[in-house]
Amino acid sequence: MTVLTTDHPAWLETGSGDRARAVRTTSGLWVLSWDRDGLHMRCVDGTEDVKPTPVTTNPEILPGSVPGGLRSGIDRLGVSQRLANPWLWDAITTAILRQVIRAGQARKLYREWCKAYGTTVEGSFGTLSIAPTAEQVLALADEQFDEIGAKFHRSVLQAAAAHYELHVADWIGMKASALAAALTNIPRIGPWTAAAAATDFTGDFSVYPHDDLAVRTWAAQIAPHYPWPDKKDKAFGPLWTGWAGPDRTALHTLTLSTLTWGSHAR
């Protein structure tokens, strides 16, 4: 069976244990659902000209030098699918709302943000919400950020929205590495946030911040007997990327499969 990667906070679990999410493409709004038969997509507003794109990852493409324990754990997970976020602004928003706070808090904040100020889609899976547009963010009063607990993120969201309005036409055509570099020009967006946003949008996890706590945590749980570097040791990143060498597809597979394992394990 293929496993769904549910790292993005928009994925909600239905009463039957399936998953559902609403997304925006350049042509319309879509409701996505996942069940035992795989991924289903339905356009609920606009046109179907631009469809969401799932990225399939196969552990057979793991780097050859990956330790046995890590490889066997990922192999048991099997083939996975992850939706490449079709809306760059949502990818930027999601990465910003992950700044400073823990993953669980960020997930809750993202959902509150979408529910309070975004677009709501009603369907057979219940109420699904999509993030407010950059234009809508710029129209929010300062206290509206405070009301949902996004006071810390207000200035960076506002700066990102202003830059997005100016540069989106150039950004959406960039490859992941170039996009990550371009996003660091936004005030208070550093390399981690920029790389996370670029990865989410392009679906290319070869540029993900590989020494991220989530990668470290899941890797250690998959292969608990491997002598991983201490959390404060900066050797993890070079170790991780070194296994893949110049093979960007292998690095993508290693990173995304590990993160998928973590989502699936939960």
C-alpha atoms as a PDB file:
ATOM      1  CA  MET A   1       0.000   0.000   0.000  1.00  0.00           C
ATOM      2  CA  THR A   2       1.039   3.598  -0.587  1.00  0.00           C
ATOM      3  CA  VAL A   3       1.316   5.832   2.499  1.00  0.00           C
ATOM      4  CA  LEU A   4       0.177   9.463   2.566  1.00  0.00           C
ATOM      5  CA  THR A   5       2.655  12.032   3.901  1.00  0.00           C
ATOM      6  CA  THR A   6       0.669  14.269   6.256  1.00  0.00           C
ATOM      7  CA  ASP A   7       3.331  16.711   7.452  1.00  0.00           C
ATOM      8  CA  HIS A   8       1.323  19.735   6.262  1.00  0.00           C
ATOM      9  CA  PRO A   9      -1.081  20.963   8.985  1.00  0.00           C
ATOM     10  CA  ALA A  10      -3.983  21.332   6.534  1.00  0.00           C
ATOM     11  CA  TRP A  11      -4.542  17.558   6.498  1.00  0.00           C
ATOM     12  CA  LEU A  12      -7.403  16.673   8.839  1.00  0.00           C
ATOM     13  CA  GLU A  13      -8.380  13.187   9.930  1.00  0.00           C
ATOM     14  CA  THR A  14     -11.989  12.232   9.231  1.00  0.00           C
ATOM     15  CA  GLY A  15     -14.202  10.194  11.505  1.00  0.00           C
ATOM     16  CA  SER A  16     -13.357   7.025   9.585  1.00  0.00           C
ATOM     17  CA  GLY A  17      -9.624   7.613   9.878  1.00  0.00           C
ATOM     18  CA  ASP A  18      -9.207   8.896   6.319  1.00  0.00           C
ATOM     19  CA  ARG A  19      -7.701  12.302   5.519  1.00  0.00           C
ATOM     20  CA  ALA A  20      -9.050  15.457   3.859  1.00  0.00           C
ATOM     21  CA  ARG A  21      -7.639  18.831   2.908  1.00  0.00           C
ATOM     22  CA  ALA A  22      -8.584  21.900   0.866  1.00  0.00           C
ATOM     23  CA  VAL A  23      -5.993  23.547  -1.399  1.00  0.00           C
ATOM     24  CA  ARG A  24      -5.807  26.469  -3.798  1.00  0.00           C
ATOM     25  CA  THR A  25      -4.176  26.283  -7.220  1.00  0.00           C
ATOM     26  CA  THR A  26      -3.791  29.150  -9.691  1.00  0.00           C
ATOM     27  CA  SER A  27      -7.095  28.156 -11.305  1.00  0.00           C
ATOM     28  CA  GLY A  28      -9.376  27.038  -8.486  1.00  0.00           C
ATOM     29  CA  LEU A  29     -10.123  25.582  -5.065  1.00  0.00           C
ATOM     30  CA  TRP A  30      -9.887  21.831  -4.567  1.00  0.00           C
ATOM     31  CA  VAL A  31     -10.958  19.344  -1.927  1.00  0.00           C
ATOM     32  CA  LEU A  32      -8.599  16.383  -1.584  1.00  0.00           C
ATOM     33  CA  SER A  33      -9.353  13.172   0.243  1.00  0.00           C
ATOM     34  CA  TRP A  34      -7.345  10.059   1.001  1.00  0.00           C
ATOM     35  CA  ASP A  35      -8.714   6.607   1.734  1.00  0.00           C
ATOM     36  CA  ARG A  36      -7.731   2.987   1.108  1.00  0.00           C
ATOM     37  CA  ASP A  37      -8.188   3.567  -2.625  1.00  0.00           C
ATOM     38  CA  GLY A  38      -5.662   6.423  -2.676  1.00  0.00           C
ATOM     39  CA  LEU A  39      -5.861  10.153  -3.365  1.00  0.00           C
ATOM     40  CA  HIS A  40      -9.029  11.766  -4.744  1.00  0.00           C
ATOM     41  CA  MET A  41      -9.234  15.365  -6.015  1.00  0.00           C
ATOM     42  CA  ARG A  42     -12.326  17.452  -6.708  1.00  0.00           C
ATOM     43  CA  CYS A  43     -12.447  21.063  -7.920  1.00  0.00           C
ATOM     44  CA  VAL A  44     -15.140  22.936  -5.964  1.00  0.00           C
ATOM     45  CA  ASP A  45     -14.601  26.470  -7.287  1.00  0.00           C
ATOM     46  CA  GLY A  46     -12.909  27.883 -10.386  1.00  0.00           C
ATOM     47  CA  THR A  47     -11.568  25.616 -13.111  1.00  0.00           C
ATOM     48  CA  GLU A  48      -9.611  22.368 -13.293  1.00  0.00           C
ATOM     49  CA  ASP A  49      -6.925  23.853 -15.552  1.00  0.00           C
ATOM     50  CA  VAL A  50      -4.220  23.562 -12.860  1.00  0.00           C
ATOM     51  CA  LYS A  51      -4.469  20.425 -10.768  1.00  0.00           C
ATOM     52  CA  PRO A  52      -2.676  19.628  -7.485  1.00  0.00           C
ATOM     53  CA  THR A  53       0.362  17.395  -8.049  1.00  0.00           C
ATOM     54  CA  PRO A  54       1.304  14.495  -5.755  1.00  0.00           C
ATOM     55  CA  VAL A  55       4.974  13.504  -5.437  1.00  0.00           C
ATOM     56  CA  THR A  56       5.624   9.763  -5.166  1.00  0.00           C
ATOM     57  CA  THR A  57       8.672   8.604  -3.215  1.00  0.00           C
ATOM     58  CA  ASN A  58      10.055   5.063  -3.408  1.00  0.00           C
ATOM     59  CA  PRO A  59      12.575   3.808  -0.792  1.00  0.00           C
ATOM     60  CA  GLU A  60      14.324   1.854  -3.549  1.00  0.00           C
ATOM     61  CA  ILE A  61      16.064   5.149  -4.413  1.00  0.00           C
ATOM     62  CA  LEU A  62      17.630   5.542  -0.944  1.00  0.00           C
ATOM     63  CA  PRO A  63      21.394   6.244  -0.951  1.00  0.00           C
ATOM     64  CA  GLY A  64      23.449   3.058  -0.911  1.00  0.00           C
ATOM     65  CA  SER A  65      25.455   4.143   2.140  1.00  0.00           C
ATOM     66  CA  VAL A  66      22.433   4.613   4.445  1.00  0.00           C
ATOM     67  CA  PRO A  67      22.828   2.530   7.650  1.00  0.00           C
ATOM     68  CA  GLY A  68      20.977  -0.774   7.635  1.00  0.00           C
ATOM     69  CA  GLY A  69      18.641   0.028  10.509  1.00  0.00           C
ATOM     70  CA  LEU A  70      17.483   3.258   8.903  1.00  0.00           C
ATOM     71  CA  ARG A  71      17.076   1.601   5.515  1.00  0.00           C
ATOM     72  CA  SER A  72      15.055  -1.331   6.831  1.00  0.00           C
ATOM     73  CA  GLY A  73      12.700   0.955   8.758  1.00  0.00           C
ATOM     74  CA  ILE A  74      12.029   3.118   5.717  1.00  0.00           C
ATOM     75  CA  ASP A  75      11.685   0.030   3.521  1.00  0.00           C
ATOM     76  CA  ARG A  76       8.909  -1.245   5.779  1.00  0.00           C
ATOM     77  CA  LEU A  77       7.095   2.070   5.318  1.00  0.00           C
ATOM     78  CA  GLY A  78       7.016   1.506   1.558  1.00  0.00           C
ATOM     79  CA  VAL A  79       6.074   3.870  -1.244  1.00  0.00           C
ATOM     80  CA  SER A  80       4.614   7.224  -0.152  1.00  0.00           C
ATOM     81  CA  GLN A  81       2.784  10.140  -1.733  1.00  0.00           C
ATOM     82  CA  ARG A  82       2.983  13.770  -0.706  1.00  0.00           C
ATOM     83  CA  LEU A  83       1.087  16.691  -2.178  1.00  0.00           C
ATOM     84  CA  ALA A  84       3.398  19.381  -3.517  1.00  0.00           C
ATOM     85  CA  ASN A  85       1.685  22.484  -2.114  1.00  0.00           C
ATOM     86  CA  PRO A  86       0.161  24.119  -5.210  1.00  0.00           C
ATOM     87  CA  TRP A  87      -0.015  27.568  -3.597  1.00  0.00           C
ATOM     88  CA  LEU A  88       3.305  29.213  -2.805  1.00  0.00           C
ATOM     89  CA  TRP A  89       1.714  31.733  -0.451  1.00  0.00           C
ATOM     90  CA  ASP A  90       0.328  28.933   1.716  1.00  0.00           C
ATOM     91  CA  ALA A  91       3.760  27.280   1.770  1.00  0.00           C
ATOM     92  CA  ILE A  92       5.331  30.540   2.951  1.00  0.00           C
ATOM     93  CA  THR A  93       2.588  31.068   5.534  1.00  0.00           C
ATOM     94  CA  THR A  94       2.965  27.552   6.899  1.00  0.00           C
ATOM     95  CA  ALA A  95       6.741  27.892   7.271  1.00  0.00           C
ATOM     96  CA  ILE A  96       6.400  31.257   9.014  1.00  0.00           C
ATOM     97  CA  LEU A  97       3.859  29.939  11.518  1.00  0.00           C
ATOM     98  CA  ARG A  98       6.319  27.175  12.426  1.00  0.00           C
ATOM     99  CA  GLN A  99       8.897  29.718  13.616  1.00  0.00           C
ATOM    100  CA  VAL A 100       9.892  29.479  17.306  1.00  0.00           C
ATOM    101  CA  ILE A 101       6.981  27.283  18.471  1.00  0.00           C
ATOM    102  CA  ARG A 102       6.685  23.495  18.675  1.00  0.00           C
ATOM    103  CA  ALA A 103       5.215  21.448  15.832  1.00  0.00           C
ATOM    104  CA  GLY A 104       1.955  20.707  17.657  1.00  0.00           C
ATOM    105  CA  GLN A 105       1.451  24.372  18.507  1.00  0.00           C
ATOM    106  CA  ALA A 106       2.249  25.394  14.933  1.00  0.00           C
ATOM    107  CA  ARG A 107      -0.323  22.946  13.582  1.00  0.00           C
ATOM    108  CA  LYS A 108      -2.989  24.347  15.884  1.00  0.00           C
ATOM    109  CA  LEU A 109      -2.051  27.960  15.077  1.00  0.00           C
ATOM    110  CA  TYR A 110      -2.138  27.327  11.317  1.00  0.00           C
ATOM    111  CA  ARG A 111      -5.634  25.841  11.552  1.00  0.00           C
ATOM    112  CA  GLU A 112      -6.893  28.706  13.714  1.00  0.00           C
ATOM    113  CA  TRP A 113      -5.370  31.203  11.257  1.00  0.00           C
ATOM    114  CA  CYS A 114      -7.134  29.594   8.294  1.00  0.00           C
ATOM    115  CA  LYS A 115     -10.437  29.242  10.125  1.00  0.00           C
ATOM    116  CA  ALA A 116     -10.437  32.834  11.357  1.00  0.00           C
ATOM    117  CA  TYR A 117      -9.332  34.712   8.239  1.00  0.00           C
ATOM    118  CA  GLY A 118      -9.175  32.287   5.320  1.00  0.00           C
ATOM    119  CA  THR A 119     -11.651  30.691   2.926  1.00  0.00           C
ATOM    120  CA  THR A 120     -13.984  27.963   4.178  1.00  0.00           C
ATOM    121  CA  VAL A 121     -15.059  25.024   2.028  1.00  0.00           C
ATOM    122  CA  GLU A 122     -18.018  22.887   3.050  1.00  0.00           C
ATOM    123  CA  GLY A 123     -18.253  19.320   1.841  1.00  0.00           C
ATOM    124  CA  SER A 124     -18.917  15.708   2.698  1.00  0.00           C
ATOM    125  CA  PHE A 125     -15.823  15.731   4.910  1.00  0.00           C
ATOM    126  CA  GLY A 126     -17.042  18.669   7.004  1.00  0.00           C
ATOM    127  CA  THR A 127     -15.571  22.161   7.091  1.00  0.00           C
ATOM    128  CA  LEU A 128     -12.147  22.693   5.542  1.00  0.00           C
ATOM    129  CA  SER A 129     -10.283  26.010   5.558  1.00  0.00           C
ATOM    130  CA  ILE A 130      -7.662  27.583   3.316  1.00  0.00           C
ATOM    131  CA  ALA A 131      -5.222  30.294   4.412  1.00  0.00           C
ATOM    132  CA  PRO A 132      -6.051  33.966   3.787  1.00  0.00           C
ATOM    133  CA  THR A 133      -4.456  35.442   0.682  1.00  0.00           C
ATOM    134  CA  ALA A 134      -1.503  37.830   0.864  1.00  0.00           C
ATOM    135  CA  GLU A 135      -3.877  40.667   0.026  1.00  0.00           C
ATOM    136  CA  GLN A 136      -6.177  39.688   2.886  1.00  0.00           C
ATOM    137  CA  VAL A 137      -3.233  39.505   5.299  1.00  0.00           C
ATOM    138  CA  LEU A 138      -2.187  43.044   4.437  1.00  0.00           C
ATOM    139  CA  ALA A 139      -5.722  44.228   5.218  1.00  0.00           C
ATOM    140  CA  LEU A 140      -5.793  42.704   8.726  1.00  0.00           C
ATOM    141  CA  ALA A 141      -5.536  44.978  11.763  1.00  0.00           C
ATOM    142  CA  ASP A 142      -2.701  44.309  14.212  1.00  0.00           C
ATOM    143  CA  GLU A 143      -5.081  43.118  16.911  1.00  0.00           C
ATOM    144  CA  GLN A 144      -6.465  40.423  14.587  1.00  0.00           C
ATOM    145  CA  PHE A 145      -3.088  38.682  14.669  1.00  0.00           C
ATOM    146  CA  ASP A 146      -3.046  38.927  18.448  1.00  0.00           C
ATOM    147  CA  GLU A 147      -6.537  37.417  18.771  1.00  0.00           C
ATOM    148  CA  ILE A 148      -5.464  34.018  17.470  1.00  0.00           C
ATOM    149  CA  GLY A 149      -2.016  33.960  19.072  1.00  0.00           C
ATOM    150  CA  ALA A 150      -0.007  35.120  16.045  1.00  0.00           C
ATOM    151  CA  LYS A 151       1.357  38.340  17.568  1.00  0.00           C
ATOM    152  CA  PHE A 152       4.947  37.130  17.235  1.00  0.00           C
ATOM    153  CA  HIS A 153       4.400  36.264  13.569  1.00  0.00           C
ATOM    154  CA  ARG A 154       2.559  39.467  12.599  1.00  0.00           C
ATOM    155  CA  SER A 155       5.439  41.522  11.235  1.00  0.00           C
ATOM    156  CA  VAL A 156       6.979  38.672   9.240  1.00  0.00           C
ATOM    157  CA  LEU A 157       3.604  37.690   7.760  1.00  0.00           C
ATOM    158  CA  GLN A 158       2.994  41.291   6.740  1.00  0.00           C
ATOM    159  CA  ALA A 159       6.465  41.631   5.226  1.00  0.00           C
ATOM    160  CA  ALA A 160       6.109  38.320   3.419  1.00  0.00           C
ATOM    161  CA  ALA A 161       2.699  39.304   2.029  1.00  0.00           C
ATOM    162  CA  ALA A 162       4.082  42.589   0.673  1.00  0.00           C
ATOM    163  CA  HIS A 163       7.059  40.844  -0.960  1.00  0.00           C
ATOM    164  CA  TYR A 164       4.836  38.097  -2.325  1.00  0.00           C
ATOM    165  CA  GLU A 165       2.598  40.604  -4.082  1.00  0.00           C
ATOM    166  CA  LEU A 166       5.668  42.099  -5.769  1.00  0.00           C
ATOM    167  CA  HIS A 167       7.660  38.974  -6.648  1.00  0.00           C
ATOM    168  CA  VAL A 168       5.288  36.003  -6.954  1.00  0.00           C
ATOM    169  CA  ALA A 169       5.454  35.969 -10.761  1.00  0.00           C
ATOM    170  CA  ASP A 170       9.211  35.396 -10.588  1.00  0.00           C
ATOM    171  CA  TRP A 171       9.202  33.064  -7.587  1.00  0.00           C
ATOM    172  CA  ILE A 172       6.761  30.453  -8.869  1.00  0.00           C
ATOM    173  CA  GLY A 173       9.011  29.597 -11.811  1.00  0.00           C
ATOM    174  CA  MET A 174      12.120  28.976  -9.714  1.00  0.00           C
ATOM    175  CA  LYS A 175      13.619  25.644  -8.764  1.00  0.00           C
ATOM    176  CA  ALA A 176      13.718  24.786  -5.079  1.00  0.00           C
ATOM    177  CA  SER A 177      17.264  25.967  -4.305  1.00  0.00           C
ATOM    178  CA  ALA A 178      16.835  29.302  -6.113  1.00  0.00           C
ATOM    179  CA  LEU A 179      13.448  29.870  -4.493  1.00  0.00           C
ATOM    180  CA  ALA A 180      14.840  29.200  -1.027  1.00  0.00           C
ATOM    181  CA  ALA A 181      17.588  31.767  -1.650  1.00  0.00           C
ATOM    182  CA  ALA A 182      15.089  34.349  -2.953  1.00  0.00           C
ATOM    183  CA  LEU A 183      12.788  33.994   0.058  1.00  0.00           C
ATOM    184  CA  THR A 184      15.591  34.933   2.456  1.00  0.00           C
ATOM    185  CA  ASN A 185      15.274  38.495   1.117  1.00  0.00           C
ATOM    186  CA  ILE A 186      12.078  38.812   3.158  1.00  0.00           C
ATOM    187  CA  PRO A 187      12.785  40.375   6.582  1.00  0.00           C
ATOM    188  CA  ARG A 188      12.825  37.795   9.412  1.00  0.00           C
ATOM    189  CA  ILE A 189      12.856  34.849   7.015  1.00  0.00           C
ATOM    190  CA  GLY A 190      16.078  32.939   7.491  1.00  0.00           C
ATOM    191  CA  PRO A 191      17.456  29.898   5.689  1.00  0.00           C
ATOM    192  CA  TRP A 192      15.363  27.380   7.669  1.00  0.00           C
ATOM    193  CA  THR A 193      12.006  29.054   6.976  1.00  0.00           C
ATOM    194  CA  ALA A 194      12.909  29.745   3.348  1.00  0.00           C
ATOM    195  CA  ALA A 195      14.009  26.152   2.717  1.00  0.00           C
ATOM    196  CA  ALA A 196      10.899  24.721   4.388  1.00  0.00           C
ATOM    197  CA  ALA A 197       8.626  26.901   2.243  1.00  0.00           C
ATOM    198  CA  ALA A 198      10.491  26.125  -0.982  1.00  0.00           C
ATOM    199  CA  THR A 199      10.397  22.408  -0.208  1.00  0.00           C
ATOM    200  CA  ASP A 200       6.668  22.420   0.509  1.00  0.00           C
ATOM    201  CA  PHE A 201       5.881  24.266  -2.741  1.00  0.00           C
ATOM    202  CA  THR A 202       8.171  22.389  -5.115  1.00  0.00           C
ATOM    203  CA  GLY A 203       7.971  18.986  -3.444  1.00  0.00           C
ATOM    204  CA  ASP A 204      11.773  18.774  -3.603  1.00  0.00           C
ATOM    205  CA  PHE A 205      13.095  17.679  -0.205  1.00  0.00           C
ATOM    206  CA  SER A 206      16.717  17.786  -1.312  1.00  0.00           C
ATOM    207  CA  VAL A 207      16.738  21.422  -0.112  1.00  0.00           C
ATOM    208  CA  TYR A 208      14.927  20.784   3.168  1.00  0.00           C
ATOM    209  CA  PRO A 209      16.837  21.873   6.320  1.00  0.00           C
ATOM    210  CA  HIS A 210      18.261  18.411   6.904  1.00  0.00           C
ATOM    211  CA  ASP A 211      19.423  18.976  10.476  1.00  0.00           C
ATOM    212  CA  ASP A 212      15.878  19.942  11.454  1.00  0.00           C
ATOM    213  CA  LEU A 213      14.695  18.526  14.785  1.00  0.00           C
ATOM    214  CA  ALA A 214      11.987  16.458  13.083  1.00  0.00           C
ATOM    215  CA  VAL A 215      14.497  14.718  10.805  1.00  0.00           C
ATOM    216  CA  ARG A 216      16.818  14.030  13.756  1.00  0.00           C
ATOM    217  CA  THR A 217      13.981  12.762  15.950  1.00  0.00           C
ATOM    218  CA  TRP A 218      12.458  10.344  13.455  1.00  0.00           C
ATOM    219  CA  ALA A 219      15.815   9.076  12.219  1.00  0.00           C
ATOM    220  CA  ALA A 220      16.798   8.232  15.803  1.00  0.00           C
ATOM    221  CA  GLN A 221      13.496   6.423  16.349  1.00  0.00           C
ATOM    222  CA  ILE A 222      13.773   4.447  13.123  1.00  0.00           C
ATOM    223  CA  ALA A 223      17.345   3.350  13.876  1.00  0.00           C
ATOM    224  CA  PRO A 224      17.795   3.665  17.662  1.00  0.00           C
ATOM    225  CA  HIS A 225      21.029   1.660  17.728  1.00  0.00           C
ATOM    226  CA  TYR A 226      22.899   3.870  15.286  1.00  0.00           C
ATOM    227  CA  PRO A 227      25.426   6.246  16.977  1.00  0.00           C
ATOM    228  CA  TRP A 228      23.697   9.485  15.962  1.00  0.00           C
ATOM    229  CA  PRO A 229      25.432  12.796  16.771  1.00  0.00           C
ATOM    230  CA  ASP A 230      24.211  14.604  19.869  1.00  0.00           C
ATOM    231  CA  LYS A 231      21.393  17.113  19.255  1.00  0.00           C
ATOM    232  CA  LYS A 232      23.813  19.992  19.843  1.00  0.00           C
ATOM    233  CA  ASP A 233      26.400  18.480  17.521  1.00  0.00           C
ATOM    234  CA  LYS A 234      26.479  20.115  14.087  1.00  0.00           C
ATOM    235  CA  ALA A 235      27.746  16.902  12.497  1.00  0.00           C
ATOM    236  CA  PHE A 236      24.244  15.602  11.736  1.00  0.00           C
ATOM    237  CA  GLY A 237      23.661  17.716   8.616  1.00  0.00           C
ATOM    238  CA  PRO A 238      26.933  16.798   6.871  1.00  0.00           C
ATOM    239  CA  LEU A 239      26.443  13.155   7.868  1.00  0.00           C
ATOM    240  CA  TRP A 240      22.947  13.088   6.385  1.00  0.00           C
ATOM    241  CA  THR A 241      23.772  14.832   3.118  1.00  0.00           C
ATOM    242  CA  GLY A 242      27.042  12.898   2.827  1.00  0.00           C
ATOM    243  CA  TRP A 243      25.172   9.600   2.496  1.00  0.00           C
ATOM    244  CA  ALA A 244      23.520  10.901  -0.673  1.00  0.00           C
ATOM    245  CA  GLY A 245      26.557  12.694  -2.073  1.00  0.00           C
ATOM    246  CA  PRO A 246      25.684  14.627  -5.252  1.00  0.00           C
ATOM    247  CA  ASP A 247      22.538  12.559  -5.900  1.00  0.00           C
ATOM    248  CA  ARG A 248      19.735  15.042  -5.150  1.00  0.00           C
ATOM    249  CA  THR A 249      16.998  12.462  -5.789  1.00  0.00           C
ATOM    250  CA  ALA A 250      18.511  10.127  -3.216  1.00  0.00           C
ATOM    251  CA  LEU A 251      18.737  12.968  -0.679  1.00  0.00           C
ATOM    252  CA  HIS A 252      15.120  13.908  -1.384  1.00  0.00           C
ATOM    253  CA  THR A 253      14.066  10.277  -0.876  1.00  0.00           C
ATOM    254  CA  LEU A 254      16.011   9.874   2.364  1.00  0.00           C
ATOM    255  CA  THR A 255      14.633  13.078   3.898  1.00  0.00           C
ATOM    256  CA  LEU A 256      11.029  12.847   2.795  1.00  0.00           C
ATOM    257  CA  SER A 257      10.781   9.132   3.631  1.00  0.00           C
ATOM    258  CA  THR A 258      12.064   9.832   7.149  1.00  0.00           C
ATOM    259  CA  LEU A 259       9.543  12.627   7.684  1.00  0.00           C
ATOM    260  CA  THR A 260       6.780  10.439   6.268  1.00  0.00           C
ATOM    261  CA  TRP A 261       7.744   7.667   8.678  1.00  0.00           C
ATOM    262  CA  GLY A 262       7.287  10.163  11.513  1.00  0.00           C
ATOM    263  CA  SER A 263       3.830  11.245  10.327  1.00  0.00           C
ATOM    264  CA  HIS A 264       2.798   7.645   9.736  1.00  0.00           C
ATOM    265  CA  ALA A 265       4.106   6.511  13.119  1.00  0.00           C
ATOM    266  CA  ARG A 266       1.941   9.104  14.858  1.00  0.00           C
END
